[in-house]
C-alpha atoms as a PDB file:
ATOM      1  CA  UNK A   1      14.465  73.924 222.074  1.00  0.00           C
ATOM      2  CA  UNK A   2      15.984  71.983 224.929  1.00  0.00           C
ATOM      3  CA  UNK A   3      19.374  72.889 226.401  1.00  0.00           C
ATOM      4  CA  UNK A   4      21.533  71.009 228.879  1.00  0.00           C
ATOM      5  CA  UNK A   5      22.646  72.675 232.110  1.00  0.00           C
ATOM      6  CA  UNK A   6      26.144  73.367 230.793  1.00  0.00           C
ATOM      7  CA  UNK A   7      24.943  74.647 227.420  1.00  0.00           C
ATOM      8  CA  UNK A   8      26.185  78.248 227.024  1.00  0.00           C
ATOM      9  CA  UNK A   9      22.789  79.140 225.567  1.00  0.00           C
ATOM     10  CA  UNK A  10      20.868  77.845 228.578  1.00  0.00           C
ATOM     11  CA  UNK A  11      19.308  80.445 230.897  1.00  0.00           C
ATOM     12  CA  UNK A  12      21.265  81.126 234.051  1.00  0.00           C
ATOM     13  CA  UNK A  13      19.462  79.875 237.164  1.00  0.00           C
ATOM     14  CA  UNK A  14      18.387  82.443 239.736  1.00  0.00           C
ATOM     15  CA  UNK A  15      20.138  82.034 243.081  1.00  0.00           C
ATOM     16  CA  UNK A  16      20.163  83.969 246.350  1.00  0.00           C
ATOM     17  CA  UNK A  17      22.791  86.413 245.065  1.00  0.00           C
ATOM     18  CA  UNK A  18      21.036  87.021 241.745  1.00  0.00           C
ATOM     19  CA  UNK A  19      21.028  90.686 240.795  1.00  0.00           C
ATOM     20  CA  UNK A  20      17.461  91.576 239.909  1.00  0.00           C
ATOM     21  CA  UNK A  21      16.491  94.362 237.554  1.00  0.00           C
ATOM     22  CA  UNK A  22      13.043  95.947 237.663  1.00  0.00           C
ATOM     23  CA  UNK A  23      11.501  98.329 235.142  1.00  0.00           C
ATOM     24  CA  UNK A  24       8.204 100.007 236.031  1.00  0.00           C
ATOM     25  CA  UNK A  25       7.533 100.980 239.640  1.00  0.00           C
ATOM     26  CA  UNK A  26       3.831 101.787 239.585  1.00  0.00           C
ATOM     27  CA  UNK A  27       1.217 100.575 242.057  1.00  0.00           C
ATOM     28  CA  UNK A  28       1.939  96.897 241.390  1.00  0.00           C
ATOM     29  CA  UNK A  29       5.518  96.999 240.153  1.00  0.00           C
ATOM     30  CA  UNK A  30       6.665  99.105 243.074  1.00  0.00           C
ATOM     31  CA  UNK A  31       5.204  96.672 245.577  1.00  0.00           C
ATOM     32  CA  UNK A  32       6.697  93.660 243.832  1.00  0.00           C
ATOM     33  CA  UNK A  33      10.108  95.342 243.780  1.00  0.00           C
ATOM     34  CA  UNK A  34       9.670  96.180 247.455  1.00  0.00           C
ATOM     35  CA  UNK A  35       8.903  92.567 248.280  1.00  0.00           C
ATOM     36  CA  UNK A  36      12.087  91.463 246.503  1.00  0.00           C
ATOM     37  CA  UNK A  37      14.060  94.023 248.504  1.00  0.00           C
ATOM     38  CA  UNK A  38      12.528  92.770 251.753  1.00  0.00           C
ATOM     39  CA  UNK A  39      13.579  89.237 250.808  1.00  0.00           C
ATOM     40  CA  UNK A  40      17.190  90.421 250.672  1.00  0.00           C
ATOM     41  CA  UNK A  41      17.692  90.562 246.917  1.00  0.00           C
ATOM     42  CA  UNK A  42      19.826  93.291 245.347  1.00  0.00           C
ATOM     43  CA  UNK A  43      17.387  95.197 243.130  1.00  0.00           C
ATOM     44  CA  UNK A  44      18.385  97.648 240.400  1.00  0.00           C
ATOM     45  CA  UNK A  45      15.521  99.579 238.859  1.00  0.00           C
ATOM     46  CA  UNK A  46      14.256 102.404 236.734  1.00  0.00           C
ATOM     47  CA  UNK A  47      10.912 104.052 236.158  1.00  0.00           C
ATOM     48  CA  UNK A  48       9.548 106.738 233.866  1.00  0.00           C
ATOM     49  CA  UNK A  49       8.944 108.953 236.928  1.00  0.00           C
ATOM     50  CA  UNK A  50      11.947 108.936 239.241  1.00  0.00           C
ATOM     51  CA  UNK A  51      10.026 110.345 242.211  1.00  0.00           C
ATOM     52  CA  UNK A  52       7.987 107.151 242.494  1.00  0.00           C
ATOM     53  CA  UNK A  53      11.154 105.232 243.318  1.00  0.00           C
ATOM     54  CA  UNK A  54      12.331 107.345 246.244  1.00  0.00           C
ATOM     55  CA  UNK A  55      10.761 105.300 249.026  1.00  0.00           C
ATOM     56  CA  UNK A  56      12.268 102.162 247.501  1.00  0.00           C
ATOM     57  CA  UNK A  57      15.666 103.839 247.155  1.00  0.00           C
ATOM     58  CA  UNK A  58      15.433 104.661 250.854  1.00  0.00           C
ATOM     59  CA  UNK A  59      14.940 100.919 251.460  1.00  0.00           C
ATOM     60  CA  UNK A  60      18.008  99.934 249.444  1.00  0.00           C
ATOM     61  CA  UNK A  61      16.942  99.870 245.802  1.00  0.00           C
ATOM     62  CA  UNK A  62      19.658 100.966 243.371  1.00  0.00           C
ATOM     63  CA  UNK A  63      18.340 103.559 240.906  1.00  0.00           C
ATOM     64  CA  UNK A  64      19.557 103.433 237.310  1.00  0.00           C
ATOM     65  CA  UNK A  65      18.697 105.884 234.560  1.00  0.00           C
ATOM     66  CA  UNK A  66      17.597 103.642 231.693  1.00  0.00           C
ATOM     67  CA  UNK A  67      16.211 100.178 230.964  1.00  0.00           C
ATOM     68  CA  UNK A  68      19.441  99.454 229.088  1.00  0.00           C
ATOM     69  CA  UNK A  69      21.478 100.068 232.247  1.00  0.00           C
ATOM     70  CA  UNK A  70      19.138  97.858 234.261  1.00  0.00           C
ATOM     71  CA  UNK A  71      19.522  94.979 231.795  1.00  0.00           C
ATOM     72  CA  UNK A  72      23.287  95.400 231.551  1.00  0.00           C
ATOM     73  CA  UNK A  73      23.733  95.457 235.335  1.00  0.00           C
ATOM     74  CA  UNK A  74      21.633  92.447 236.346  1.00  0.00           C
ATOM     75  CA  UNK A  75      21.103  88.719 235.878  1.00  0.00           C
ATOM     76  CA  UNK A  76      17.299  88.621 235.714  1.00  0.00           C
ATOM     77  CA  UNK A  77      15.176  91.538 234.501  1.00  0.00           C
ATOM     78  CA  UNK A  78      11.517  91.997 235.451  1.00  0.00           C
ATOM     79  CA  UNK A  79       9.155  94.629 234.120  1.00  0.00           C
ATOM     80  CA  UNK A  80       5.611  95.751 234.750  1.00  0.00           C
ATOM     81  CA  UNK A  81       4.264  98.518 232.519  1.00  0.00           C
ATOM     82  CA  UNK A  82       0.814  99.612 231.416  1.00  0.00           C
ATOM     83  CA  UNK A  83       0.345  98.604 227.781  1.00  0.00           C
ATOM     84  CA  UNK A  84       1.866  97.641 224.412  1.00  0.00           C
ATOM     85  CA  UNK A  85       3.201 101.155 223.795  1.00  0.00           C
ATOM     86  CA  UNK A  86       4.907 101.318 227.177  1.00  0.00           C
ATOM     87  CA  UNK A  87       6.465  97.891 226.611  1.00  0.00           C
ATOM     88  CA  UNK A  88       7.830  99.021 223.264  1.00  0.00           C
ATOM     89  CA  UNK A  89       9.198 102.189 224.874  1.00  0.00           C
ATOM     90  CA  UNK A  90      11.203 100.363 227.561  1.00  0.00           C
ATOM     91  CA  UNK A  91      12.456  97.679 225.171  1.00  0.00           C
ATOM     92  CA  UNK A  92      13.647  99.490 222.079  1.00  0.00           C
ATOM     93  CA  UNK A  93      16.056 102.228 221.079  1.00  0.00           C
ATOM     94  CA  UNK A  94      19.553 102.971 222.366  1.00  0.00           C
ATOM     95  CA  UNK A  95      18.273 103.290 225.950  1.00  0.00           C
ATOM     96  CA  UNK A  96      16.024 100.220 225.794  1.00  0.00           C
ATOM     97  CA  UNK A  97      16.503  96.917 227.586  1.00  0.00           C
ATOM     98  CA  UNK A  98      17.180  95.026 224.338  1.00  0.00           C
ATOM     99  CA  UNK A  99      20.386  97.035 223.997  1.00  0.00           C
ATOM    100  CA  UNK A 100      21.541  95.858 227.428  1.00  0.00           C
ATOM    101  CA  UNK A 101      20.536  92.187 227.420  1.00  0.00           C
ATOM    102  CA  UNK A 102      23.202  89.524 227.113  1.00  0.00           C
ATOM    103  CA  UNK A 103      23.372  85.803 226.486  1.00  0.00           C
ATOM    104  CA  UNK A 104      21.664  83.545 229.048  1.00  0.00           C
ATOM    105  CA  UNK A 105      19.843  86.390 230.803  1.00  0.00           C
ATOM    106  CA  UNK A 106      16.154  85.865 231.537  1.00  0.00           C
ATOM    107  CA  UNK A 107      13.729  88.721 230.981  1.00  0.00           C
ATOM    108  CA  UNK A 108      10.341  88.342 232.689  1.00  0.00           C
ATOM    109  CA  UNK A 109       7.627  90.768 231.623  1.00  0.00           C
ATOM    110  CA  UNK A 110       4.801  90.855 234.178  1.00  0.00           C
ATOM    111  CA  UNK A 111       2.744  93.457 232.309  1.00  0.00           C
ATOM    112  CA  UNK A 112      -0.686  92.798 230.847  1.00  0.00           C
ATOM    113  CA  UNK A 113      -0.177  93.508 227.159  1.00  0.00           C
ATOM    114  CA  UNK A 114      -1.376  91.871 223.958  1.00  0.00           C
ATOM    115  CA  UNK A 115      -0.047  88.352 223.388  1.00  0.00           C
ATOM    116  CA  UNK A 116       0.918  89.435 219.878  1.00  0.00           C
ATOM    117  CA  UNK A 117       3.146  92.280 221.098  1.00  0.00           C
ATOM    118  CA  UNK A 118       4.732  90.034 223.711  1.00  0.00           C
ATOM    119  CA  UNK A 119       5.534  87.301 221.196  1.00  0.00           C
ATOM    120  CA  UNK A 120       7.113  89.824 218.839  1.00  0.00           C
ATOM    121  CA  UNK A 121       9.333  91.086 221.622  1.00  0.00           C
ATOM    122  CA  UNK A 122      10.241  87.540 222.651  1.00  0.00           C
ATOM    123  CA  UNK A 123      11.647  86.960 219.158  1.00  0.00           C
ATOM    124  CA  UNK A 124      13.820  90.061 219.485  1.00  0.00           C
ATOM    125  CA  UNK A 125      14.999  88.984 222.930  1.00  0.00           C
ATOM    126  CA  UNK A 126      15.990  85.568 221.546  1.00  0.00           C
ATOM    127  CA  UNK A 127      18.093  87.321 218.918  1.00  0.00           C
ATOM    128  CA  UNK A 128      20.249  88.743 221.735  1.00  0.00           C
ATOM    129  CA  UNK A 129      20.872  85.260 223.157  1.00  0.00           C
ATOM    130  CA  UNK A 130      18.612  85.984 226.148  1.00  0.00           C
ATOM    131  CA  UNK A 131      15.265  84.400 227.048  1.00  0.00           C
ATOM    132  CA  UNK A 132      11.881  86.064 227.590  1.00  0.00           C
ATOM    133  CA  UNK A 133       8.891  84.954 229.627  1.00  0.00           C
ATOM    134  CA  UNK A 134       5.491  86.601 229.847  1.00  0.00           C
ATOM    135  CA  UNK A 135       4.349  86.312 233.465  1.00  0.00           C
ATOM    136  CA  UNK A 136       1.250  88.418 234.081  1.00  0.00           C
ATOM    137  CA  UNK A 137      -0.306  88.274 237.512  1.00  0.00           C
ATOM    138  CA  UNK A 138      -3.796  87.879 238.910  1.00  0.00           C
ATOM    139  CA  UNK A 139      -4.330  89.830 242.108  1.00  0.00           C
ATOM    140  CA  UNK A 140      -4.174  93.418 243.249  1.00  0.00           C
ATOM    141  CA  UNK A 141      -2.136  95.564 245.611  1.00  0.00           C
ATOM    142  CA  UNK A 142      -2.751  93.464 248.769  1.00  0.00           C
ATOM    143  CA  UNK A 143      -1.608  90.279 247.006  1.00  0.00           C
ATOM    144  CA  UNK A 144       1.470  92.006 245.580  1.00  0.00           C
ATOM    145  CA  UNK A 145       2.426  93.133 249.089  1.00  0.00           C
ATOM    146  CA  UNK A 146       1.854  89.720 250.671  1.00  0.00           C
ATOM    147  CA  UNK A 147       3.395  87.642 247.877  1.00  0.00           C
ATOM    148  CA  UNK A 148       0.142  85.803 247.180  1.00  0.00           C
ATOM    149  CA  UNK A 149      -0.345  86.648 243.516  1.00  0.00           C
ATOM    150  CA  UNK A 150      -1.311  84.039 240.947  1.00  0.00           C
ATOM    151  CA  UNK A 151       1.338  84.087 238.235  1.00  0.00           C
ATOM    152  CA  UNK A 152       0.842  82.423 234.853  1.00  0.00           C
ATOM    153  CA  UNK A 153       3.939  82.056 232.715  1.00  0.00           C
ATOM    154  CA  UNK A 154       4.462  81.642 228.980  1.00  0.00           C
ATOM    155  CA  UNK A 155       7.814  80.855 227.380  1.00  0.00           C
ATOM    156  CA  UNK A 156      10.541  78.240 227.247  1.00  0.00           C
ATOM    157  CA  UNK A 157      10.317  75.693 230.044  1.00  0.00           C
ATOM    158  CA  UNK A 158      14.075  75.962 230.730  1.00  0.00           C
ATOM    159  CA  UNK A 159      13.812  79.721 231.256  1.00  0.00           C
ATOM    160  CA  UNK A 160      10.838  79.191 233.537  1.00  0.00           C
ATOM    161  CA  UNK A 161      12.739  76.644 235.608  1.00  0.00           C
ATOM    162  CA  UNK A 162      15.616  79.098 236.002  1.00  0.00           C
ATOM    163  CA  UNK A 163      13.439  81.806 237.588  1.00  0.00           C
ATOM    164  CA  UNK A 164      10.654  79.740 239.171  1.00  0.00           C
ATOM    165  CA  UNK A 165      12.116  80.003 242.713  1.00  0.00           C
ATOM    166  CA  UNK A 166      12.223  83.780 242.357  1.00  0.00           C
ATOM    167  CA  UNK A 167       8.638  83.951 241.089  1.00  0.00           C
ATOM    168  CA  UNK A 168       7.495  81.783 243.989  1.00  0.00           C
ATOM    169  CA  UNK A 169       8.594  84.559 246.340  1.00  0.00           C
ATOM    170  CA  UNK A 170       5.958  86.714 244.655  1.00  0.00           C
ATOM    171  CA  UNK A 171       3.094  84.312 243.994  1.00  0.00           C
ATOM    172  CA  UNK A 172       1.059  81.764 245.886  1.00  0.00           C
ATOM    173  CA  UNK A 173       0.620  79.908 242.606  1.00  0.00           C
ATOM    174  CA  UNK A 174       3.156  80.002 239.781  1.00  0.00           C
ATOM    175  CA  UNK A 175       2.243  77.966 236.711  1.00  0.00           C
ATOM    176  CA  UNK A 176       4.005  77.418 233.412  1.00  0.00           C
ATOM    177  CA  UNK A 177       1.130  77.307 230.914  1.00  0.00           C
ATOM    178  CA  UNK A 178       2.809  77.037 227.503  1.00  0.00           C
ATOM    179  CA  UNK A 179       4.899  78.948 224.957  1.00  0.00           C
ATOM    180  CA  UNK A 180       5.351  82.705 224.756  1.00  0.00           C
ATOM    181  CA  UNK A 181       2.083  84.610 224.940  1.00  0.00           C
ATOM    182  CA  UNK A 182       0.073  81.900 226.670  1.00  0.00           C
ATOM    183  CA  UNK A 183       0.436  83.468 230.100  1.00  0.00           C
ATOM    184  CA  UNK A 184      -1.161  86.599 228.694  1.00  0.00           C
ATOM    185  CA  UNK A 185      -3.962  84.638 227.061  1.00  0.00           C
ATOM    186  CA  UNK A 186      -4.929  83.244 230.468  1.00  0.00           C
ATOM    187  CA  UNK A 187      -4.592  86.629 232.165  1.00  0.00           C
ATOM    188  CA  UNK A 188      -7.040  88.171 229.691  1.00  0.00           C
ATOM    189  CA  UNK A 189      -9.410  85.236 230.158  1.00  0.00           C
ATOM    190  CA  UNK A 190      -9.322  85.820 233.919  1.00  0.00           C
ATOM    191  CA  UNK A 191      -9.886  89.554 233.575  1.00  0.00           C
ATOM    192  CA  UNK A 192     -13.090  89.032 231.621  1.00  0.00           C
ATOM    193  CA  UNK A 193     -14.471  87.375 234.755  1.00  0.00           C
ATOM    194  CA  UNK A 194     -12.977  90.043 237.015  1.00  0.00           C
ATOM    195  CA  UNK A 195     -14.839  92.789 235.179  1.00  0.00           C
ATOM    196  CA  UNK A 196     -18.058  90.840 234.675  1.00  0.00           C
ATOM    197  CA  UNK A 197     -18.265  89.584 238.267  1.00  0.00           C
ATOM    198  CA  UNK A 198     -17.765  93.111 239.583  1.00  0.00           C
ATOM    199  CA  UNK A 199     -20.422  94.439 237.218  1.00  0.00           C
ATOM    200  CA  UNK A 200     -22.940  91.699 238.055  1.00  0.00           C
ATOM    201  CA  UNK A 201     -22.397  92.101 241.805  1.00  0.00           C
ATOM    202  CA  UNK A 202     -22.848  95.861 241.464  1.00  0.00           C
ATOM    203  CA  UNK A 203     -26.077  95.352 239.516  1.00  0.00           C
ATOM    204  CA  UNK A 204     -27.478  92.995 242.137  1.00  0.00           C
ATOM    205  CA  UNK A 205     -26.485  95.256 245.008  1.00  0.00           C
ATOM    206  CA  UNK A 206     -28.073  98.278 243.330  1.00  0.00           C
ATOM    207  CA  UNK A 207     -31.256  96.283 242.742  1.00  0.00           C
ATOM    208  CA  UNK A 208     -31.395  95.336 246.430  1.00  0.00           C
ATOM    209  CA  UNK A 209     -30.681  98.909 247.566  1.00  0.00           C
ATOM    210  CA  UNK A 210     -33.330 100.460 245.332  1.00  0.00           C
ATOM    211  CA  UNK A 211     -35.839  97.909 246.626  1.00  0.00           C
ATOM    212  CA  UNK A 212     -35.181  99.121 250.169  1.00  0.00           C
ATOM    213  CA  UNK A 213     -32.497  96.750 251.483  1.00  0.00           C
ATOM    214  CA  UNK A 214     -29.700  98.025 253.680  1.00  0.00           C
ATOM    215  CA  UNK A 215     -26.658  98.039 251.330  1.00  0.00           C
ATOM    216  CA  UNK A 216     -24.248  96.767 253.991  1.00  0.00           C
ATOM    217  CA  UNK A 217     -26.541  93.874 254.848  1.00  0.00           C
ATOM    218  CA  UNK A 218     -27.224  93.114 251.190  1.00  0.00           C
ATOM    219  CA  UNK A 219     -23.515  93.140 250.331  1.00  0.00           C
ATOM    220  CA  UNK A 220     -22.699  90.860 253.275  1.00  0.00           C
ATOM    221  CA  UNK A 221     -25.392  88.333 252.286  1.00  0.00           C
ATOM    222  CA  UNK A 222     -24.381  88.410 248.632  1.00  0.00           C
ATOM    223  CA  UNK A 223     -20.637  88.123 249.206  1.00  0.00           C
ATOM    224  CA  UNK A 224     -21.038  85.197 251.607  1.00  0.00           C
ATOM    225  CA  UNK A 225     -23.495  83.358 249.343  1.00  0.00           C
ATOM    226  CA  UNK A 226     -22.615  80.913 246.596  1.00  0.00           C
ATOM    227  CA  UNK A 227     -21.654  83.798 244.290  1.00  0.00           C
ATOM    228  CA  UNK A 228     -19.010  85.107 246.700  1.00  0.00           C
ATOM    229  CA  UNK A 229     -15.741  84.468 244.885  1.00  0.00           C
ATOM    230  CA  UNK A 230     -12.510  85.397 246.684  1.00  0.00           C
ATOM    231  CA  UNK A 231     -12.245  88.430 244.425  1.00  0.00           C
ATOM    232  CA  UNK A 232     -15.755  89.653 245.274  1.00  0.00           C
ATOM    233  CA  UNK A 233     -15.249  89.115 248.986  1.00  0.00           C
ATOM    234  CA  UNK A 234     -12.065  91.190 248.879  1.00  0.00           C
ATOM    235  CA  UNK A 235     -13.612  93.959 246.768  1.00  0.00           C
ATOM    236  CA  UNK A 236     -16.966  94.258 248.557  1.00  0.00           C
ATOM    237  CA  UNK A 237     -15.691  96.877 251.058  1.00  0.00           C
ATOM    238  CA  UNK A 238     -14.407  98.919 248.115  1.00  0.00           C
ATOM    239  CA  UNK A 239     -17.782  98.672 246.370  1.00  0.00           C
ATOM    240  CA  UNK A 240     -19.542  99.951 249.485  1.00  0.00           C
ATOM    241  CA  UNK A 241     -16.990 102.686 250.200  1.00  0.00           C
ATOM    242  CA  UNK A 242     -15.024 103.587 247.070  1.00  0.00           C
ATOM    243  CA  UNK A 243     -11.399 104.357 248.015  1.00  0.00           C
ATOM    244  CA  UNK A 244      -9.388 107.263 246.665  1.00  0.00           C
ATOM    245  CA  UNK A 245      -6.529 104.968 245.658  1.00  0.00           C
ATOM    246  CA  UNK A 246      -7.301 102.193 243.192  1.00  0.00           C
ATOM    247  CA  UNK A 247      -6.178  98.600 243.458  1.00  0.00           C
ATOM    248  CA  UNK A 248      -6.959  98.208 239.755  1.00  0.00           C
ATOM    249  CA  UNK A 249      -8.417 101.173 237.961  1.00  0.00           C
ATOM    250  CA  UNK A 250     -11.185 101.420 235.390  1.00  0.00           C
ATOM    251  CA  UNK A 251      -8.897 102.582 232.585  1.00  0.00           C
ATOM    252  CA  UNK A 252      -6.542  99.611 232.941  1.00  0.00           C
ATOM    253  CA  UNK A 253      -9.474  97.218 233.214  1.00  0.00           C
ATOM    254  CA  UNK A 254     -10.959  98.521 229.974  1.00  0.00           C
ATOM    255  CA  UNK A 255      -7.576  98.160 228.279  1.00  0.00           C
ATOM    256  CA  UNK A 256      -7.542  94.484 229.245  1.00  0.00           C
ATOM    257  CA  UNK A 257     -11.162  93.900 228.226  1.00  0.00           C
ATOM    258  CA  UNK A 258     -10.455  95.386 224.820  1.00  0.00           C
ATOM    259  CA  UNK A 259      -7.384  93.193 224.413  1.00  0.00           C
ATOM    260  CA  UNK A 260      -9.584  90.197 225.221  1.00  0.00           C
ATOM    261  CA  UNK A 261     -12.257  91.328 222.783  1.00  0.00           C
ATOM    262  CA  UNK A 262      -9.640  91.756 220.048  1.00  0.00           C
ATOM    263  CA  UNK A 263      -8.449  88.197 220.696  1.00  0.00           C
ATOM    264  CA  UNK A 264     -12.048  87.039 220.517  1.00  0.00           C
ATOM    265  CA  UNK A 265     -12.511  88.781 217.179  1.00  0.00           C
ATOM    266  CA  UNK A 266      -9.307  87.226 215.839  1.00  0.00           C
ATOM    267  CA  UNK A 267     -10.487  83.778 216.949  1.00  0.00           C
ATOM    268  CA  UNK A 268     -14.101  84.404 215.858  1.00  0.00           C
ATOM    269  CA  UNK A 269     -15.395  83.850 219.387  1.00  0.00           C
ATOM    270  CA  UNK A 270     -18.357  85.817 220.750  1.00  0.00           C
ATOM    271  CA  UNK A 271     -17.620  87.440 224.119  1.00  0.00           C
ATOM    272  CA  UNK A 272     -20.995  88.994 225.020  1.00  0.00           C
ATOM    273  CA  UNK A 273     -20.332  89.599 228.716  1.00  0.00           C
ATOM    274  CA  UNK A 274     -17.004  91.241 227.899  1.00  0.00           C
ATOM    275  CA  UNK A 275     -18.842  93.511 225.470  1.00  0.00           C
ATOM    276  CA  UNK A 276     -21.357  94.474 228.179  1.00  0.00           C
ATOM    277  CA  UNK A 277     -18.568  95.216 230.635  1.00  0.00           C
ATOM    278  CA  UNK A 278     -16.767  97.306 228.002  1.00  0.00           C
ATOM    279  CA  UNK A 279     -19.894  99.430 227.557  1.00  0.00           C
ATOM    280  CA  UNK A 280     -20.202 100.168 231.280  1.00  0.00           C
ATOM    281  CA  UNK A 281     -16.467 100.834 231.588  1.00  0.00           C
ATOM    282  CA  UNK A 282     -16.817 103.414 228.819  1.00  0.00           C
ATOM    283  CA  UNK A 283     -19.615 105.069 230.777  1.00  0.00           C
ATOM    284  CA  UNK A 284     -17.423 105.013 233.887  1.00  0.00           C
ATOM    285  CA  UNK A 285     -14.661 106.870 232.081  1.00  0.00           C
ATOM    286  CA  UNK A 286     -17.142 109.418 230.705  1.00  0.00           C
ATOM    287  CA  UNK A 287     -18.275 110.072 234.292  1.00  0.00           C
ATOM    288  CA  UNK A 288     -14.703 110.696 235.431  1.00  0.00           C
ATOM    289  CA  UNK A 289     -13.945 107.336 237.068  1.00  0.00           C
ATOM    290  CA  UNK A 290     -11.068 106.354 234.777  1.00  0.00           C
ATOM    291  CA  UNK A 291      -8.481 106.294 237.563  1.00  0.00           C
ATOM    292  CA  UNK A 292     -10.787 105.040 240.317  1.00  0.00           C
ATOM    293  CA  UNK A 293     -10.928 101.413 241.330  1.00  0.00           C
ATOM    294  CA  UNK A 294     -13.034  98.952 239.345  1.00  0.00           C
ATOM    295  CA  UNK A 295     -15.379  98.925 242.351  1.00  0.00           C
ATOM    296  CA  UNK A 296     -16.636 102.274 241.003  1.00  0.00           C
ATOM    297  CA  UNK A 297     -18.965 100.349 238.686  1.00  0.00           C
ATOM    298  CA  UNK A 298     -21.523 100.353 241.502  1.00  0.00           C
ATOM    299  CA  UNK A 299     -21.553 104.163 241.646  1.00  0.00           C
ATOM    300  CA  UNK A 300     -21.550 104.351 237.864  1.00  0.00           C
ATOM    301  CA  UNK A 301     -24.671 102.197 237.624  1.00  0.00           C
ATOM    302  CA  UNK A 302     -26.357 104.234 240.347  1.00  0.00           C
ATOM    303  CA  UNK A 303     -25.678 107.479 238.487  1.00  0.00           C
ATOM    304  CA  UNK A 304     -26.723 105.989 235.157  1.00  0.00           C
ATOM    305  CA  UNK A 305     -30.110 104.842 236.458  1.00  0.00           C
ATOM    306  CA  UNK A 306     -31.213 108.111 238.004  1.00  0.00           C
ATOM    307  CA  UNK A 307     -32.065 109.074 241.596  1.00  0.00           C
ATOM    308  CA  UNK A 308     -32.950 106.446 244.156  1.00  0.00           C
ATOM    309  CA  UNK A 309     -36.590 105.458 244.615  1.00  0.00           C
ATOM    310  CA  UNK A 310     -35.955 103.284 247.673  1.00  0.00           C
ATOM    311  CA  UNK A 311     -38.806 100.973 248.580  1.00  0.00           C
ATOM    312  CA  UNK A 312     -40.912 101.581 245.449  1.00  0.00           C
ATOM    313  CA  UNK A 313     -40.770  97.887 244.607  1.00  0.00           C
ATOM    314  CA  UNK A 314     -42.824  97.134 247.726  1.00  0.00           C
ATOM    315  CA  UNK A 315     -45.704  99.289 246.478  1.00  0.00           C
ATOM    316  CA  UNK A 316     -45.758  98.303 242.825  1.00  0.00           C
END
């Protein structure tokens, strides 16, 4: 539905003095909220674990106790939570954001959840007179910190136009892709490749290592060859030296792959590489890598294939 600028139902445009609400201050959400603070925006936020917000409070973030208070105190509300259940938890009930939303507000959910759950919530948001966008992001912690995420947005074009300048402070590319849920469809499509590329690179690197190649040299050659996508180039150091703190952990990646596979089943589309990635991600979790970065797939494959027999290929 199209609204004119003076239509009381039209979303209010974000301006420099817009009060921004943020719900969910995890690894990505916390950095996005921090970037908004650094840009000079007043940010009001809440999180399931209050301790995670302390460094942001020290930088000027205003802590509120519930999602309802965040929605009632702000003009634009953003959220980034882990899954469908977490989205339902922040949205519903007497403390949920639905209870605090008012007419013309724009709610932007940046979580990666199922398109179905997001569309259902968008209908409930519309019933309050507010507008909802799904705006999942492609990129990890470094991109969240630098404001170079890729953001794909589903929802009403008028609501998108109202918050586009704000989203452009967070993303290098910000694209309206269609109605509610379509941003999430594209995010899941992208994450199939994220998982599969990481798995394939890890397979190739392990093959080279076990044949006697220096892993650092092999990784450098591979990542600078024609297969070296920006994602692989950024993650190669993590594959070689797995960090303690994940950019994007195995458990969250498997959640997204399974959402994609469910979509594929609903649409009767075969997703064979997603299925292969799902299998290895399951093995990774069984080996205790659930909260390690996706780059752990290299170690997982190494453990799953037994001890190294470096150089054997030369004597076969």
